[in-house]
Amino acid sequence: MKRIKILLLFISFLYCSSIRAEEMVITLNHINNNENWVEDERSITIAPTATIDGNTIRIYSNIRVENASILIKDKYNNIVYSNASIAVSQCHTFKVYDLPEGDYVLVFEIGDDSFYGYFSYQNNI
């Protein structure tokens, strides 16, 4: 019985070590579009974070937002993908297909607020 437990433990270790975490976090920074912008003194602010997992981009915020949109720009500042979500949610999910491997900028827009982050995309087939 002890040998079976050790064997099961060893097999589970091998199984877990073969699983790779594909999700990559994209740090989003705020773009100041308003020249009269002052330090936000509200108790609740929008602080989105983004992750990319294969061809799925998820953007999380600490509050529910609506009318969110994203742009993906290549290194030459060309827009290679754009999409909008009208849902009211704390997590917006976007599927990106046919994106070539390379370095990109993710721009997340909520109304007049814009956030951006850099990421590298690798096609993991």
Protein backbone atom coordinates (compact mmCIF):
# COMPACT_ATOMS: atom_id res chain seq x y z
CA MET A 1 0.00 0.00 0.00
CA LYS A 2 2.86 2.34 0.81
CA ARG A 3 4.45 1.68 -2.58
CA ILE A 4 1.21 2.55 -4.35
CA LYS A 5 0.98 5.87 -2.50
CA ILE A 6 4.58 6.71 -3.40
CA LEU A 7 3.95 5.72 -7.02
CA LEU A 8 0.80 7.88 -7.17
CA LEU A 9 2.68 10.79 -5.64
CA PHE A 10 5.48 10.41 -8.19
CA ILE A 11 3.02 10.21 -11.12
CA SER A 12 1.14 13.27 -9.91
CA PHE A 13 4.44 15.16 -9.61
CA LEU A 14 5.34 14.27 -13.21
CA TYR A 15 1.91 15.31 -14.41
CA CYS A 16 2.03 18.68 -12.64
CA SER A 17 5.56 19.46 -13.76
CA SER A 18 4.53 19.08 -17.40
CA ILE A 19 1.84 21.77 -17.08
CA ARG A 20 3.12 25.15 -18.17
CA ALA A 21 1.56 28.43 -17.16
CA GLU A 22 0.80 30.13 -20.46
CA GLU A 23 -0.92 33.19 -19.01
CA MET A 24 1.21 36.34 -19.13
CA VAL A 25 0.37 39.51 -17.19
CA ILE A 26 0.42 42.81 -19.10
CA THR A 27 1.06 45.84 -16.89
CA LEU A 28 -1.27 48.69 -17.89
CA ASN A 29 -0.28 52.34 -17.44
CA HIS A 30 -2.61 55.33 -17.57
CA ILE A 31 -2.50 57.72 -20.55
CA ASN A 32 -3.23 61.32 -19.63
CA ASN A 33 -5.59 62.58 -22.38
CA ASN A 34 -6.82 65.54 -20.36
CA GLU A 35 -4.40 68.44 -20.01
CA ASN A 36 -6.30 69.71 -16.95
CA TRP A 37 -6.11 66.32 -15.29
CA VAL A 38 -5.54 66.43 -11.54
CA GLU A 39 -4.71 63.72 -9.06
CA ASP A 40 -7.73 61.47 -8.60
CA GLU A 41 -9.14 61.96 -5.12
CA ARG A 42 -12.09 59.60 -5.46
CA SER A 43 -12.23 56.58 -3.19
CA ILE A 44 -12.73 54.18 -6.13
CA THR A 45 -10.46 54.42 -9.14
CA ILE A 46 -10.13 52.24 -12.20
CA ALA A 47 -7.06 50.05 -11.92
CA PRO A 48 -7.17 47.54 -14.78
CA THR A 49 -4.81 44.62 -15.28
CA ALA A 50 -4.56 42.49 -18.39
CA THR A 51 -3.49 38.95 -19.13
CA ILE A 52 -2.90 37.10 -22.36
CA ASP A 53 -3.28 33.34 -22.61
CA GLY A 54 -2.78 32.00 -26.11
CA ASN A 55 -5.17 34.01 -28.24
CA THR A 56 -7.36 35.21 -25.34
CA ILE A 57 -6.88 38.63 -23.75
CA ARG A 58 -8.65 39.28 -20.45
CA ILE A 59 -8.79 42.70 -18.86
CA TYR A 60 -9.78 42.89 -15.20
CA SER A 61 -10.76 46.02 -13.28
CA ASN A 62 -11.59 46.60 -9.65
CA ILE A 63 -14.95 48.15 -10.61
CA ARG A 64 -17.58 47.24 -13.19
CA VAL A 65 -17.08 49.15 -16.43
CA GLU A 66 -19.04 49.32 -19.66
CA ASN A 67 -18.23 50.32 -23.22
CA ALA A 68 -14.65 49.13 -22.99
CA SER A 69 -12.55 48.75 -26.11
CA ILE A 70 -9.07 47.56 -26.95
CA LEU A 71 -6.58 48.28 -29.67
CA ILE A 72 -3.46 46.26 -30.42
CA LYS A 73 -0.71 48.12 -32.23
CA ASP A 74 2.45 46.68 -33.74
CA LYS A 75 5.94 48.15 -33.37
CA TYR A 76 5.25 50.52 -36.29
CA ASN A 77 2.16 51.91 -34.49
CA ASN A 78 -0.21 50.22 -36.98
CA ILE A 79 -3.49 48.99 -35.50
CA VAL A 80 -3.56 45.23 -36.05
CA TYR A 81 -6.64 44.48 -33.93
CA SER A 82 -9.52 46.43 -32.42
CA ASN A 83 -12.65 45.34 -30.62
CA ALA A 84 -15.24 46.75 -28.23
CA SER A 85 -17.33 45.26 -25.46
CA ILE A 86 -20.60 46.89 -24.43
CA ALA A 87 -21.11 44.53 -21.51
CA VAL A 88 -21.02 45.83 -17.94
CA SER A 89 -18.39 43.68 -16.25
CA GLN A 90 -15.22 43.59 -14.18
CA CYS A 91 -13.65 41.17 -16.68
CA HIS A 92 -13.68 41.82 -20.41
CA THR A 93 -12.51 38.99 -22.65
CA PHE A 94 -11.32 39.42 -26.23
CA LYS A 95 -10.26 36.68 -28.68
CA VAL A 96 -7.39 37.57 -31.02
CA TYR A 97 -6.83 35.43 -34.11
CA ASP A 98 -4.14 35.54 -36.83
CA LEU A 99 -1.81 37.79 -34.84
CA PRO A 100 1.78 37.36 -36.08
CA GLU A 101 4.53 36.77 -33.55
CA GLY A 102 6.15 39.96 -32.31
CA ASP A 103 6.02 42.87 -29.87
CA TYR A 104 2.80 44.82 -29.42
CA VAL A 105 1.11 47.59 -27.45
CA LEU A 106 -2.28 46.92 -25.89
CA VAL A 107 -4.46 50.04 -25.49
CA PHE A 108 -7.51 49.67 -23.24
CA GLU A 109 -10.06 52.48 -23.39
CA ILE A 110 -12.94 53.18 -21.02
CA GLY A 111 -14.69 56.38 -22.03
CA ASP A 112 -12.09 59.16 -21.84
CA ASP A 113 -9.61 57.03 -19.84
CA SER A 114 -6.94 55.08 -21.72
CA PHE A 115 -4.43 52.55 -20.45
CA TYR A 116 -1.57 50.91 -22.32
CA GLY A 117 0.80 48.00 -21.83
CA TYR A 118 3.50 46.21 -23.82
CA PHE A 119 3.56 42.49 -24.53
CA SER A 120 5.21 39.93 -26.81
CA TYR A 121 3.04 37.45 -28.65
CA GLN A 122 4.32 33.99 -29.51
CA ASN A 123 2.24 31.52 -31.44
CA ASN A 124 2.26 28.37 -29.27
CA ILE A 125 0.93 25.62 -31.50
